[in-house]
Amino acid sequence: MAAPLSFSSPQRPPATAHAPPAGRAGRGREKRRRARPGWAGPPWRRAGGRYSGGTVRGRMEGQGSYTLPTGTEYRGALRDGMFEGEGELIFPNGGRYRAVWHRGVPVQGKYTFADGLQYKDKKWHYCDGYDRRFYTEICSGLKPPGTSQLTNLDPPKKIPEGCYDCGDGFYNPETRVIVDYKLRFLRNADDDEHEWIIRTCRKAWDETIEHKPKP
C-alpha cells in the first residue's frame, strides 16, 4: 500500500503546498519596505510631486498623471518612472506641450500657448516686422484708433514695481525670477532671456527717451 502524500514527500514539495498568493507576498514586501527607517515613499513623492496612475515595482508605468512641485502636470504614457511615448505637459499659465517622449526626453513636439497660438521654431511670423498684431487681434480684429492693445491680454496686467511683463508672467531683474500672473514661480531667466526681456518687454515704469541728434 502506498504511503500517503506528506509535505516532506518529493511528489508534493512544501513550496507548492504553502506558497502564498503573489499579490499577498507583494503587499507584504511593500509593508516591510514602508516600515524601514528613513523610507520616505515612492520616488515621485520624495521629489515633491503627486502621481495618479499605474505602477510596476514601485515606479510609474502605464498611463498616468504626474504633477511637479511647480504645478506643471504631465498626462500620458510612462515607463520605468519616466515619460515614454505620447504625453502632454500642461503648464500653470495654460500653455501645453504635446510630444513623443523617449526616456524622459521629447523627441518631437509642439507647444500651444494658452490663447491657442501654436509656436513654430522655423518660419515664425507672429508679431514680426510685417505684421505687428497680437494673436487676440488676429482672432478678434483691431480696435479703433486711440484704444490699441498694449499686450496680447486686454486689458493688460498691472506690473509689480520694478518688474517687466514678459508675456507669460512678471520678471524681476534683481532676482532674475519669473512668476506667473498669479505670482507663482515659473522659472529663473538665463542671460539670453534676461537681455531679451530688458530690451523688448513692457516695464512697470514710464521712461522718457530724448532725441539725440547725430554728431
N, C-alpha and C. Protein backbone atom coordinates (compact mmCIF):
# COMPACT_ATOMS: atom_id res chain seq x y z
N MET A 1 0.86 -1.19 0.00
CA MET A 1 0.00 0.00 0.00
C MET A 1 0.89 1.24 0.00
N ALA A 2 0.64 2.15 -0.88
CA ALA A 2 1.48 3.33 -0.99
C ALA A 2 1.27 4.24 0.21
N ALA A 3 2.38 4.83 0.64
CA ALA A 3 2.31 5.76 1.77
C ALA A 3 1.56 7.02 1.34
N PRO A 4 0.78 7.58 2.22
CA PRO A 4 0.05 8.81 1.89
C PRO A 4 1.02 9.96 1.64
N LEU A 5 0.60 10.91 0.77
CA LEU A 5 1.45 12.07 0.50
C LEU A 5 1.57 12.94 1.74
N SER A 6 2.77 13.44 1.97
CA SER A 6 3.01 14.36 3.09
C SER A 6 3.77 15.56 2.57
N PHE A 7 3.88 16.61 3.38
CA PHE A 7 4.58 17.82 2.97
C PHE A 7 6.06 17.57 2.72
N SER A 8 6.61 16.43 3.25
CA SER A 8 8.01 16.12 3.02
C SER A 8 8.20 15.20 1.82
N SER A 9 7.11 14.76 1.20
CA SER A 9 7.20 13.85 0.07
C SER A 9 7.70 14.59 -1.16
N PRO A 10 8.61 13.99 -1.96
CA PRO A 10 9.10 14.66 -3.16
C PRO A 10 7.99 14.88 -4.19
N GLN A 11 6.84 14.12 -4.05
CA GLN A 11 5.77 14.30 -5.01
C GLN A 11 4.96 15.58 -4.75
N ARG A 12 5.16 16.19 -3.59
CA ARG A 12 4.39 17.40 -3.24
C ARG A 12 5.28 18.33 -2.44
N PRO A 13 6.11 19.11 -3.09
CA PRO A 13 7.08 19.95 -2.38
C PRO A 13 6.38 20.95 -1.46
N PRO A 14 6.98 21.24 -0.32
CA PRO A 14 6.39 22.22 0.60
C PRO A 14 6.17 23.58 -0.05
N ALA A 15 7.06 23.96 -0.98
CA ALA A 15 6.91 25.28 -1.60
C ALA A 15 5.58 25.39 -2.33
N THR A 16 5.16 24.30 -2.98
CA THR A 16 3.89 24.32 -3.69
C THR A 16 2.71 24.32 -2.74
N ALA A 17 2.86 23.57 -1.63
CA ALA A 17 1.76 23.45 -0.69
C ALA A 17 1.52 24.72 0.09
N HIS A 18 2.58 25.46 0.35
CA HIS A 18 2.44 26.61 1.25
C HIS A 18 2.74 27.95 0.60
N ALA A 19 3.03 28.03 -0.70
CA ALA A 19 3.36 29.31 -1.32
C ALA A 19 2.17 30.25 -1.25
N PRO A 20 2.35 31.44 -0.70
CA PRO A 20 1.24 32.39 -0.63
C PRO A 20 0.98 33.00 -2.00
N PRO A 21 -0.21 33.51 -2.22
CA PRO A 21 -0.50 34.17 -3.48
C PRO A 21 0.47 35.32 -3.74
N ALA A 22 0.78 35.55 -5.03
CA ALA A 22 1.77 36.58 -5.39
C ALA A 22 1.35 37.95 -4.87
N GLY A 23 0.07 38.28 -4.97
CA GLY A 23 -0.40 39.58 -4.51
C GLY A 23 -0.16 39.79 -3.04
N ARG A 24 -0.42 38.75 -2.23
CA ARG A 24 -0.21 38.86 -0.79
C ARG A 24 1.27 39.05 -0.48
N ALA A 25 2.13 38.32 -1.21
CA ALA A 25 3.56 38.45 -1.00
C ALA A 25 4.04 39.86 -1.34
N GLY A 26 3.52 40.39 -2.45
CA GLY A 26 3.91 41.74 -2.84
C GLY A 26 3.49 42.77 -1.80
N ARG A 27 2.28 42.61 -1.26
CA ARG A 27 1.82 43.55 -0.24
C ARG A 27 2.68 43.44 1.01
N GLY A 28 3.11 42.21 1.32
CA GLY A 28 3.96 42.03 2.48
C GLY A 28 5.30 42.72 2.33
N ARG A 29 5.87 42.60 1.13
CA ARG A 29 7.14 43.28 0.88
C ARG A 29 6.98 44.79 0.97
N GLU A 30 5.86 45.28 0.42
CA GLU A 30 5.60 46.73 0.46
C GLU A 30 5.49 47.21 1.90
N LYS A 31 4.79 46.46 2.76
CA LYS A 31 4.65 46.86 4.16
C LYS A 31 6.00 46.85 4.86
N ARG A 32 6.84 45.83 4.58
CA ARG A 32 8.16 45.79 5.21
C ARG A 32 9.02 46.96 4.75
N ARG A 33 8.92 47.32 3.46
CA ARG A 33 9.70 48.44 2.95
C ARG A 33 9.27 49.73 3.61
N ARG A 34 7.97 49.91 3.77
CA ARG A 34 7.48 51.13 4.41
C ARG A 34 7.87 51.21 5.87
N ALA A 35 8.06 50.06 6.48
CA ALA A 35 8.41 50.04 7.90
C ALA A 35 9.88 50.35 8.12
N ARG A 36 10.71 50.33 7.06
CA ARG A 36 12.13 50.58 7.23
C ARG A 36 12.37 52.02 7.64
N PRO A 37 13.32 52.26 8.56
CA PRO A 37 13.64 53.64 8.95
C PRO A 37 14.14 54.44 7.74
N GLY A 38 13.68 55.66 7.61
CA GLY A 38 14.15 56.53 6.54
C GLY A 38 13.40 56.39 5.23
N TRP A 39 12.47 55.45 5.12
CA TRP A 39 11.73 55.29 3.86
C TRP A 39 10.74 56.42 3.73
N ALA A 40 10.83 57.19 2.65
CA ALA A 40 10.01 58.39 2.51
C ALA A 40 9.00 58.27 1.39
N GLY A 41 8.69 57.08 0.97
CA GLY A 41 7.69 56.92 -0.07
C GLY A 41 8.31 56.71 -1.42
N PRO A 42 7.47 56.55 -2.46
CA PRO A 42 7.97 56.33 -3.82
C PRO A 42 8.74 57.53 -4.33
N PRO A 43 9.51 57.35 -5.43
CA PRO A 43 10.38 58.43 -5.92
C PRO A 43 9.65 59.73 -6.21
N TRP A 44 8.44 59.65 -6.83
CA TRP A 44 7.75 60.91 -7.17
C TRP A 44 7.33 61.67 -5.93
N ARG A 45 7.05 60.96 -4.83
CA ARG A 45 6.67 61.64 -3.60
C ARG A 45 7.89 62.27 -2.94
N ARG A 46 9.03 61.59 -3.00
CA ARG A 46 10.25 62.14 -2.43
C ARG A 46 10.67 63.40 -3.19
N ALA A 47 10.34 63.48 -4.49
CA ALA A 47 10.69 64.65 -5.29
C ALA A 47 9.71 65.80 -5.08
N GLY A 48 8.64 65.57 -4.31
CA GLY A 48 7.67 66.63 -4.04
C GLY A 48 6.51 66.67 -4.99
N GLY A 49 6.40 65.66 -5.88
CA GLY A 49 5.31 65.64 -6.84
C GLY A 49 4.14 64.78 -6.40
N ARG A 50 3.08 64.78 -7.23
CA ARG A 50 1.91 63.95 -6.98
C ARG A 50 1.67 63.09 -8.23
N TYR A 51 1.31 61.84 -8.01
CA TYR A 51 1.12 60.93 -9.14
C TYR A 51 -0.16 60.14 -8.98
N SER A 52 -0.83 59.94 -10.11
CA SER A 52 -2.02 59.10 -10.16
C SER A 52 -1.92 58.24 -11.42
N GLY A 53 -1.87 56.93 -11.25
CA GLY A 53 -1.76 56.04 -12.41
C GLY A 53 -1.15 54.71 -12.04
N GLY A 54 -0.75 53.96 -13.05
CA GLY A 54 -0.22 52.62 -12.84
C GLY A 54 1.23 52.63 -12.36
N THR A 55 1.62 51.54 -11.70
CA THR A 55 2.99 51.38 -11.23
C THR A 55 3.45 49.95 -11.47
N VAL A 56 4.74 49.78 -11.63
CA VAL A 56 5.38 48.47 -11.71
C VAL A 56 6.64 48.54 -10.86
N ARG A 57 6.73 47.67 -9.86
CA ARG A 57 7.85 47.64 -8.93
C ARG A 57 8.09 49.01 -8.28
N GLY A 58 7.00 49.70 -7.95
CA GLY A 58 7.11 50.97 -7.26
C GLY A 58 7.46 52.15 -8.14
N ARG A 59 7.51 51.96 -9.46
CA ARG A 59 7.85 53.05 -10.37
C ARG A 59 6.66 53.33 -11.29
N MET A 60 6.53 54.58 -11.71
CA MET A 60 5.42 54.98 -12.57
C MET A 60 5.49 54.23 -13.90
N GLU A 61 4.37 53.64 -14.30
CA GLU A 61 4.34 52.91 -15.57
C GLU A 61 2.90 52.80 -16.06
N GLY A 62 2.75 52.87 -17.40
CA GLY A 62 1.42 52.82 -17.99
C GLY A 62 0.91 54.24 -18.23
N GLN A 63 -0.39 54.42 -18.17
CA GLN A 63 -0.99 55.74 -18.31
C GLN A 63 -1.12 56.40 -16.94
N GLY A 64 -0.77 57.67 -16.86
CA GLY A 64 -0.85 58.32 -15.57
C GLY A 64 -0.77 59.83 -15.68
N SER A 65 -0.85 60.46 -14.52
CA SER A 65 -0.78 61.92 -14.42
C SER A 65 0.19 62.26 -13.29
N TYR A 66 1.23 63.02 -13.63
CA TYR A 66 2.24 63.40 -12.64
C TYR A 66 2.30 64.92 -12.56
N THR A 67 2.15 65.47 -11.36
CA THR A 67 2.20 66.92 -11.14
C THR A 67 3.48 67.28 -10.42
N LEU A 68 4.29 68.15 -11.03
CA LEU A 68 5.54 68.59 -10.45
C LEU A 68 5.27 69.60 -9.34
N PRO A 69 6.25 69.83 -8.45
CA PRO A 69 6.06 70.81 -7.37
C PRO A 69 5.74 72.21 -7.88
N THR A 70 6.17 72.55 -9.11
CA THR A 70 5.90 73.88 -9.67
C THR A 70 4.47 74.02 -10.18
N GLY A 71 3.71 72.92 -10.21
CA GLY A 71 2.33 72.97 -10.70
C GLY A 71 2.17 72.48 -12.12
N THR A 72 3.26 72.30 -12.86
CA THR A 72 3.19 71.74 -14.21
C THR A 72 2.78 70.28 -14.13
N GLU A 73 1.85 69.86 -14.98
CA GLU A 73 1.32 68.50 -14.94
C GLU A 73 1.63 67.75 -16.23
N TYR A 74 2.06 66.51 -16.09
CA TYR A 74 2.26 65.63 -17.25
C TYR A 74 1.12 64.62 -17.29
N ARG A 75 0.52 64.46 -18.47
CA ARG A 75 -0.52 63.45 -18.67
C ARG A 75 -0.14 62.60 -19.87
N GLY A 76 -0.06 61.29 -19.67
CA GLY A 76 0.27 60.44 -20.80
C GLY A 76 0.93 59.15 -20.39
N ALA A 77 1.75 58.61 -21.29
CA ALA A 77 2.38 57.30 -21.09
C ALA A 77 3.68 57.44 -20.31
N LEU A 78 3.93 56.44 -19.46
CA LEU A 78 5.16 56.39 -18.68
C LEU A 78 5.71 54.97 -18.68
N ARG A 79 7.01 54.88 -18.47
CA ARG A 79 7.65 53.57 -18.38
C ARG A 79 8.89 53.68 -17.52
N ASP A 80 9.02 52.77 -16.55
CA ASP A 80 10.17 52.73 -15.66
C ASP A 80 10.42 54.08 -14.99
N GLY A 81 9.33 54.77 -14.61
CA GLY A 81 9.44 56.03 -13.89
C GLY A 81 9.72 57.25 -14.74
N MET A 82 9.69 57.10 -16.08
CA MET A 82 9.99 58.22 -16.97
C MET A 82 8.89 58.40 -17.99
N PHE A 83 8.81 59.61 -18.57
CA PHE A 83 7.88 59.86 -19.66
C PHE A 83 8.32 59.03 -20.86
N GLU A 84 7.40 58.27 -21.43
CA GLU A 84 7.76 57.37 -22.54
C GLU A 84 6.54 57.19 -23.43
N GLY A 85 6.65 57.63 -24.69
CA GLY A 85 5.52 57.54 -25.60
C GLY A 85 4.84 58.90 -25.73
N GLU A 86 3.54 58.90 -26.04
CA GLU A 86 2.81 60.15 -26.23
C GLU A 86 2.35 60.71 -24.88
N GLY A 87 2.61 61.99 -24.70
CA GLY A 87 2.21 62.65 -23.46
C GLY A 87 2.23 64.15 -23.61
N GLU A 88 1.60 64.84 -22.66
CA GLU A 88 1.43 66.28 -22.75
C GLU A 88 1.78 66.94 -21.43
N LEU A 89 2.56 68.02 -21.49
CA LEU A 89 2.83 68.86 -20.34
C LEU A 89 1.84 70.02 -20.34
N ILE A 90 1.19 70.24 -19.20
CA ILE A 90 0.22 71.33 -19.06
C ILE A 90 0.79 72.30 -18.02
N PHE A 91 1.09 73.52 -18.44
CA PHE A 91 1.74 74.49 -17.59
C PHE A 91 0.70 75.32 -16.82
N PRO A 92 1.09 75.87 -15.66
CA PRO A 92 0.14 76.66 -14.86
C PRO A 92 -0.43 77.86 -15.60
N ASN A 93 0.32 78.39 -16.60
CA ASN A 93 -0.19 79.56 -17.33
C ASN A 93 -1.16 79.18 -18.44
N GLY A 94 -1.46 77.88 -18.59
CA GLY A 94 -2.41 77.43 -19.59
C GLY A 94 -1.79 76.90 -20.86
N GLY A 95 -0.47 77.08 -21.04
CA GLY A 95 0.21 76.54 -22.21
C GLY A 95 0.31 75.03 -22.15
N ARG A 96 0.43 74.41 -23.34
CA ARG A 96 0.51 72.95 -23.42
C ARG A 96 1.62 72.55 -24.39
N TYR A 97 2.38 71.54 -23.99
CA TYR A 97 3.43 70.99 -24.85
C TYR A 97 3.15 69.50 -25.04
N ARG A 98 2.72 69.16 -26.26
CA ARG A 98 2.39 67.77 -26.58
C ARG A 98 3.54 67.18 -27.38
N ALA A 99 4.04 66.02 -26.95
CA ALA A 99 5.24 65.47 -27.56
C ALA A 99 5.25 63.95 -27.51
N VAL A 100 6.19 63.40 -28.26
CA VAL A 100 6.54 61.99 -28.16
C VAL A 100 7.84 61.94 -27.35
N TRP A 101 7.84 61.15 -26.28
CA TRP A 101 8.95 61.13 -25.34
C TRP A 101 9.70 59.81 -25.41
N HIS A 102 11.01 59.87 -25.13
CA HIS A 102 11.83 58.67 -25.01
C HIS A 102 12.75 58.83 -23.81
N ARG A 103 12.53 58.00 -22.81
CA ARG A 103 13.31 58.02 -21.57
C ARG A 103 13.35 59.43 -20.96
N GLY A 104 12.17 60.08 -20.95
CA GLY A 104 12.03 61.37 -20.30
C GLY A 104 12.40 62.57 -21.14
N VAL A 105 12.84 62.34 -22.40
CA VAL A 105 13.28 63.43 -23.27
C VAL A 105 12.35 63.51 -24.48
N PRO A 106 11.83 64.71 -24.83
CA PRO A 106 10.96 64.81 -26.01
C PRO A 106 11.77 64.68 -27.30
N VAL A 107 11.29 63.83 -28.21
CA VAL A 107 11.97 63.65 -29.49
C VAL A 107 11.28 64.47 -30.58
N GLN A 108 10.02 64.80 -30.41
CA GLN A 108 9.32 65.73 -31.28
C GLN A 108 8.08 66.22 -30.55
N GLY A 109 7.75 67.49 -30.75
CA GLY A 109 6.61 68.03 -30.02
C GLY A 109 6.19 69.39 -30.54
N LYS A 110 5.10 69.89 -29.97
CA LYS A 110 4.54 71.17 -30.37
C LYS A 110 3.97 71.87 -29.16
N TYR A 111 4.33 73.18 -29.03
CA TYR A 111 3.84 73.97 -27.90
C TYR A 111 2.70 74.87 -28.37
N THR A 112 1.62 74.89 -27.58
CA THR A 112 0.48 75.75 -27.86
C THR A 112 0.26 76.69 -26.68
N PHE A 113 0.24 77.98 -26.95
CA PHE A 113 0.02 78.96 -25.90
C PHE A 113 -1.41 78.87 -25.38
N ALA A 114 -1.66 79.50 -24.22
CA ALA A 114 -2.97 79.42 -23.58
C ALA A 114 -4.08 80.00 -24.46
N ASP A 115 -3.72 80.96 -25.32
CA ASP A 115 -4.74 81.58 -26.17
C ASP A 115 -4.97 80.82 -27.48
N GLY A 116 -4.25 79.73 -27.68
CA GLY A 116 -4.44 78.91 -28.87
C GLY A 116 -3.37 79.07 -29.93
N LEU A 117 -2.49 80.05 -29.80
CA LEU A 117 -1.42 80.26 -30.77
C LEU A 117 -0.41 79.12 -30.68
N GLN A 118 -0.07 78.52 -31.83
CA GLN A 118 0.90 77.44 -31.87
C GLN A 118 2.28 77.98 -32.22
N TYR A 119 3.27 77.59 -31.43
CA TYR A 119 4.63 78.05 -31.65
C TYR A 119 5.30 77.24 -32.75
N LYS A 120 6.09 77.93 -33.60
CA LYS A 120 6.88 77.26 -34.64
C LYS A 120 8.33 77.69 -34.48
N ASP A 121 9.23 76.71 -34.47
CA ASP A 121 10.64 77.06 -34.31
C ASP A 121 11.26 77.54 -35.61
N LYS A 122 10.57 77.34 -36.73
CA LYS A 122 11.05 77.83 -38.02
C LYS A 122 9.93 78.61 -38.70
N LYS A 123 10.32 79.63 -39.47
CA LYS A 123 9.36 80.48 -40.19
C LYS A 123 8.31 81.06 -39.24
N TRP A 124 8.78 81.58 -38.12
CA TRP A 124 7.91 82.16 -37.09
C TRP A 124 7.58 83.59 -37.49
N HIS A 125 6.34 83.87 -37.86
CA HIS A 125 5.94 85.17 -38.35
C HIS A 125 5.07 85.96 -37.38
N TYR A 126 4.84 85.41 -36.20
CA TYR A 126 3.96 86.10 -35.25
C TYR A 126 4.64 87.36 -34.71
N CYS A 127 3.94 88.48 -34.78
CA CYS A 127 4.41 89.77 -34.24
C CYS A 127 5.79 90.13 -34.82
N ASP A 128 5.98 89.91 -36.11
CA ASP A 128 7.25 90.27 -36.73
C ASP A 128 7.16 91.68 -37.34
N GLY A 129 8.14 92.06 -38.12
CA GLY A 129 8.16 93.40 -38.67
C GLY A 129 7.09 93.67 -39.70
N TYR A 130 6.49 92.62 -40.25
CA TYR A 130 5.47 92.79 -41.28
C TYR A 130 4.05 92.78 -40.71
N ASP A 131 3.87 92.09 -39.62
CA ASP A 131 2.54 92.00 -39.00
C ASP A 131 2.71 92.14 -37.50
N ARG A 132 2.37 93.30 -36.95
CA ARG A 132 2.59 93.57 -35.53
C ARG A 132 1.39 93.22 -34.66
N ARG A 133 0.36 92.62 -35.24
CA ARG A 133 -0.84 92.32 -34.46
C ARG A 133 -0.58 91.23 -33.42
N PHE A 134 -1.21 91.40 -32.24
CA PHE A 134 -1.21 90.33 -31.26
C PHE A 134 -2.18 89.24 -31.72
N TYR A 135 -2.05 88.06 -31.11
CA TYR A 135 -2.89 86.94 -31.55
C TYR A 135 -4.38 87.21 -31.29
N THR A 136 -4.69 87.87 -30.17
CA THR A 136 -6.10 88.19 -29.91
C THR A 136 -6.63 89.20 -30.92
N GLU A 137 -5.76 90.06 -31.46
CA GLU A 137 -6.18 90.99 -32.50
C GLU A 137 -6.37 90.26 -33.83
N ILE A 138 -5.54 89.25 -34.09
CA ILE A 138 -5.70 88.44 -35.30
C ILE A 138 -7.04 87.71 -35.27
N CYS A 139 -7.40 87.20 -34.09
CA CYS A 139 -8.65 86.44 -33.95
C CYS A 139 -9.88 87.34 -33.91
N SER A 140 -9.79 88.49 -33.23
CA SER A 140 -10.97 89.32 -32.97
C SER A 140 -10.99 90.64 -33.72
N GLY A 141 -9.90 90.98 -34.39
CA GLY A 141 -9.86 92.24 -35.12
C GLY A 141 -9.23 93.36 -34.32
N LEU A 142 -8.80 94.40 -35.03
CA LEU A 142 -8.17 95.56 -34.40
C LEU A 142 -9.21 96.48 -33.77
N LYS A 143 -8.80 97.17 -32.71
CA LYS A 143 -9.67 98.15 -32.06
C LYS A 143 -9.55 99.50 -32.77
N PRO A 144 -10.48 100.41 -32.52
CA PRO A 144 -10.41 101.74 -33.15
C PRO A 144 -9.15 102.49 -32.74
N PRO A 145 -8.71 103.45 -33.53
CA PRO A 145 -7.52 104.26 -33.18
C PRO A 145 -7.68 104.90 -31.81
N GLY A 146 -6.60 104.93 -31.06
CA GLY A 146 -6.61 105.52 -29.72
C GLY A 146 -6.89 104.52 -28.62
N THR A 147 -7.34 103.30 -28.99
CA THR A 147 -7.61 102.26 -27.98
C THR A 147 -6.85 100.98 -28.30
N SER A 148 -5.74 101.12 -28.99
CA SER A 148 -4.95 99.96 -29.40
C SER A 148 -4.48 99.16 -28.18
N GLN A 149 -4.34 97.86 -28.37
CA GLN A 149 -3.88 96.99 -27.29
C GLN A 149 -2.38 97.17 -27.06
N LEU A 150 -1.98 97.11 -25.79
CA LEU A 150 -0.57 97.18 -25.43
C LEU A 150 0.05 95.79 -25.33
N THR A 151 -0.79 94.78 -25.05
CA THR A 151 -0.32 93.40 -24.93
C THR A 151 -1.35 92.48 -25.57
N ASN A 152 -1.02 91.20 -25.60
CA ASN A 152 -1.97 90.22 -26.12
C ASN A 152 -3.20 90.12 -25.22
N LEU A 153 -3.01 90.38 -23.92
CA LEU A 153 -4.13 90.40 -22.97
C LEU A 153 -4.74 91.79 -22.93
N ASP A 154 -6.05 91.87 -22.94
CA ASP A 154 -6.73 93.16 -22.92
C ASP A 154 -7.87 93.11 -21.90
N PRO A 155 -7.83 93.93 -20.84
CA PRO A 155 -6.80 94.92 -20.54
C PRO A 155 -5.50 94.28 -20.07
N PRO A 156 -4.36 94.99 -20.19
CA PRO A 156 -3.07 94.41 -19.79
C PRO A 156 -2.97 94.26 -18.27
N LYS A 157 -2.09 93.36 -17.85
CA LYS A 157 -1.88 93.15 -16.42
C LYS A 157 -1.12 94.32 -15.81
N LYS A 158 -1.43 94.62 -14.56
CA LYS A 158 -0.69 95.64 -13.82
C LYS A 158 0.63 95.04 -13.35
N ILE A 159 1.73 95.65 -13.76
CA ILE A 159 3.06 95.09 -13.49
C ILE A 159 3.53 95.53 -12.10
N PRO A 160 4.04 94.61 -11.28
CA PRO A 160 4.58 95.00 -9.97
C PRO A 160 5.76 95.97 -10.14
N GLU A 161 5.97 96.77 -9.13
CA GLU A 161 7.03 97.79 -9.18
C GLU A 161 8.39 97.16 -9.43
N GLY A 162 9.12 97.74 -10.36
CA GLY A 162 10.47 97.28 -10.66
C GLY A 162 10.55 96.05 -11.56
N CYS A 163 9.39 95.60 -12.08
CA CYS A 163 9.35 94.36 -12.87
C CYS A 163 8.97 94.62 -14.32
N TYR A 164 9.03 93.55 -15.12
CA TYR A 164 8.66 93.58 -16.52
C TYR A 164 7.54 92.56 -16.77
N ASP A 165 6.73 92.83 -17.79
CA ASP A 165 5.74 91.87 -18.26
C ASP A 165 6.36 91.12 -19.43
N CYS A 166 6.69 89.83 -19.23
CA CYS A 166 7.40 89.08 -20.28
C CYS A 166 6.49 88.16 -21.07
N GLY A 167 5.17 88.37 -20.99
CA GLY A 167 4.24 87.63 -21.83
C GLY A 167 3.55 86.48 -21.12
N ASP A 168 4.27 85.74 -20.30
CA ASP A 168 3.65 84.66 -19.55
C ASP A 168 3.73 84.90 -18.04
N GLY A 169 4.19 86.10 -17.67
CA GLY A 169 4.29 86.43 -16.26
C GLY A 169 5.12 87.68 -16.05
N PHE A 170 5.54 87.91 -14.81
CA PHE A 170 6.32 89.09 -14.45
C PHE A 170 7.76 88.68 -14.17
N TYR A 171 8.69 89.56 -14.56
CA TYR A 171 10.12 89.29 -14.37
C TYR A 171 10.74 90.34 -13.48
N ASN A 172 11.44 89.89 -12.45
CA ASN A 172 12.18 90.78 -11.56
C ASN A 172 13.65 90.73 -11.95
N PRO A 173 14.21 91.80 -12.53
CA PRO A 173 15.60 91.74 -12.99
C PRO A 173 16.62 91.65 -11.85
N GLU A 174 16.20 91.99 -10.63
CA GLU A 174 17.13 91.91 -9.50
C GLU A 174 17.34 90.45 -9.08
N THR A 175 16.26 89.69 -9.02
CA THR A 175 16.35 88.28 -8.60
C THR A 175 16.45 87.32 -9.79
N ARG A 176 16.12 87.83 -11.01
CA ARG A 176 16.09 87.02 -12.24
C ARG A 176 15.06 85.88 -12.13
N VAL A 177 13.99 86.13 -11.41
CA VAL A 177 12.92 85.15 -11.24
C VAL A 177 11.70 85.60 -12.04
N ILE A 178 11.08 84.64 -12.75
CA ILE A 178 9.84 84.89 -13.48
C ILE A 178 8.71 84.18 -12.75
N VAL A 179 7.65 84.92 -12.43
CA VAL A 179 6.46 84.35 -11.80
C VAL A 179 5.29 84.53 -12.76
N ASP A 180 4.27 83.68 -12.63
CA ASP A 180 3.10 83.84 -13.49
C ASP A 180 2.24 84.99 -12.99
N TYR A 181 1.11 85.20 -13.66
CA TYR A 181 0.28 86.36 -13.31
C TYR A 181 -0.44 86.20 -11.98
N LYS A 182 -0.34 85.01 -11.37
CA LYS A 182 -0.85 84.81 -10.02
C LYS A 182 0.29 84.79 -9.00
N LEU A 183 1.47 85.25 -9.47
CA LEU A 183 2.68 85.40 -8.64
C LEU A 183 3.23 84.06 -8.17
N ARG A 184 3.00 82.99 -8.94
CA ARG A 184 3.58 81.68 -8.63
C ARG A 184 4.85 81.49 -9.46
N PHE A 185 5.85 80.87 -8.87
CA PHE A 185 7.16 80.70 -9.53
C PHE A 185 7.02 79.93 -10.84
N LEU A 186 7.67 80.45 -11.89
CA LEU A 186 7.72 79.75 -13.17
C LEU A 186 9.13 79.24 -13.48
N ARG A 187 10.12 80.15 -13.46
CA ARG A 187 11.48 79.74 -13.82
C ARG A 187 12.46 80.87 -13.48
N ASN A 188 13.75 80.54 -13.57
CA ASN A 188 14.81 81.53 -13.49
C ASN A 188 15.27 81.87 -14.90
N ALA A 189 15.49 83.12 -15.18
CA ALA A 189 15.91 83.56 -16.51
C ALA A 189 17.42 83.41 -16.67
N ASP A 190 17.84 82.86 -17.80
CA ASP A 190 19.27 82.81 -18.11
C ASP A 190 19.69 84.15 -18.71
N ASP A 191 20.96 84.27 -19.09
CA ASP A 191 21.46 85.56 -19.59
C ASP A 191 20.75 86.00 -20.86
N ASP A 192 20.47 85.07 -21.77
CA ASP A 192 19.82 85.43 -23.03
C ASP A 192 18.40 85.94 -22.80
N GLU A 193 17.63 85.24 -21.94
CA GLU A 193 16.26 85.68 -21.68
C GLU A 193 16.25 86.99 -20.92
N HIS A 194 17.18 87.15 -19.98
CA HIS A 194 17.28 88.41 -19.24
C HIS A 194 17.50 89.58 -20.19
N GLU A 195 18.44 89.43 -21.12
CA GLU A 195 18.75 90.50 -22.07
C GLU A 195 17.55 90.80 -22.96
N TRP A 196 16.85 89.74 -23.42
CA TRP A 196 15.69 89.93 -24.29
C TRP A 196 14.56 90.65 -23.57
N ILE A 197 14.30 90.29 -22.32
CA ILE A 197 13.22 90.94 -21.56
C ILE A 197 13.55 92.41 -21.32
N ILE A 198 14.78 92.71 -20.92
CA ILE A 198 15.18 94.09 -20.65
C ILE A 198 15.06 94.94 -21.92
N ARG A 199 15.35 94.34 -23.06
CA ARG A 199 15.38 95.09 -24.32
C ARG A 199 14.00 95.27 -24.93
N THR A 200 13.10 94.29 -24.76
CA THR A 200 11.86 94.33 -25.55
C THR A 200 10.57 94.40 -24.74
N CYS A 201 10.56 94.03 -23.47
CA CYS A 201 9.28 93.86 -22.76
C CYS A 201 8.81 95.14 -22.06
N ARG A 202 7.53 95.15 -21.78
CA ARG A 202 6.87 96.31 -21.15
C ARG A 202 7.30 96.44 -19.70
N LYS A 203 7.63 97.68 -19.29
CA LYS A 203 8.12 97.94 -17.94
C LYS A 203 6.98 98.39 -17.03
N ALA A 204 7.23 98.37 -15.73
CA ALA A 204 6.24 98.88 -14.76
C ALA A 204 6.30 100.39 -14.65
N TRP A 205 7.33 101.01 -15.21
CA TRP A 205 7.52 102.44 -15.08
C TRP A 205 7.59 103.09 -16.46
N ASP A 206 7.28 104.38 -16.49
CA ASP A 206 7.39 105.15 -17.72
C ASP A 206 8.82 105.64 -17.88
N GLU A 207 9.28 105.60 -19.11
CA GLU A 207 10.65 106.04 -19.38
C GLU A 207 10.64 106.98 -20.58
N THR A 208 11.18 108.16 -20.38
CA THR A 208 11.24 109.15 -21.45
C THR A 208 12.56 109.02 -22.19
N ILE A 209 12.48 108.87 -23.48
CA ILE A 209 13.68 108.75 -24.30
C ILE A 209 13.83 110.01 -25.13
N GLU A 210 14.90 110.75 -24.89
CA GLU A 210 15.12 112.01 -25.60
C GLU A 210 15.76 111.74 -26.95
N HIS A 211 15.42 112.62 -27.89
CA HIS A 211 16.04 112.53 -29.21
C HIS A 211 17.48 113.04 -29.13
N LYS A 212 18.40 112.26 -29.65
CA LYS A 212 19.79 112.64 -29.66
C LYS A 212 20.21 112.92 -31.10
N PRO A 213 20.51 114.17 -31.41
CA PRO A 213 20.92 114.49 -32.78
C PRO A 213 22.24 113.82 -33.14
N LYS A 214 22.39 113.55 -34.41
CA LYS A 214 23.64 112.96 -34.86
C LYS A 214 24.79 113.94 -34.68
N PRO A 215 25.95 113.44 -34.29
CA PRO A 215 27.10 114.33 -34.08
C PRO A 215 27.59 114.92 -35.41
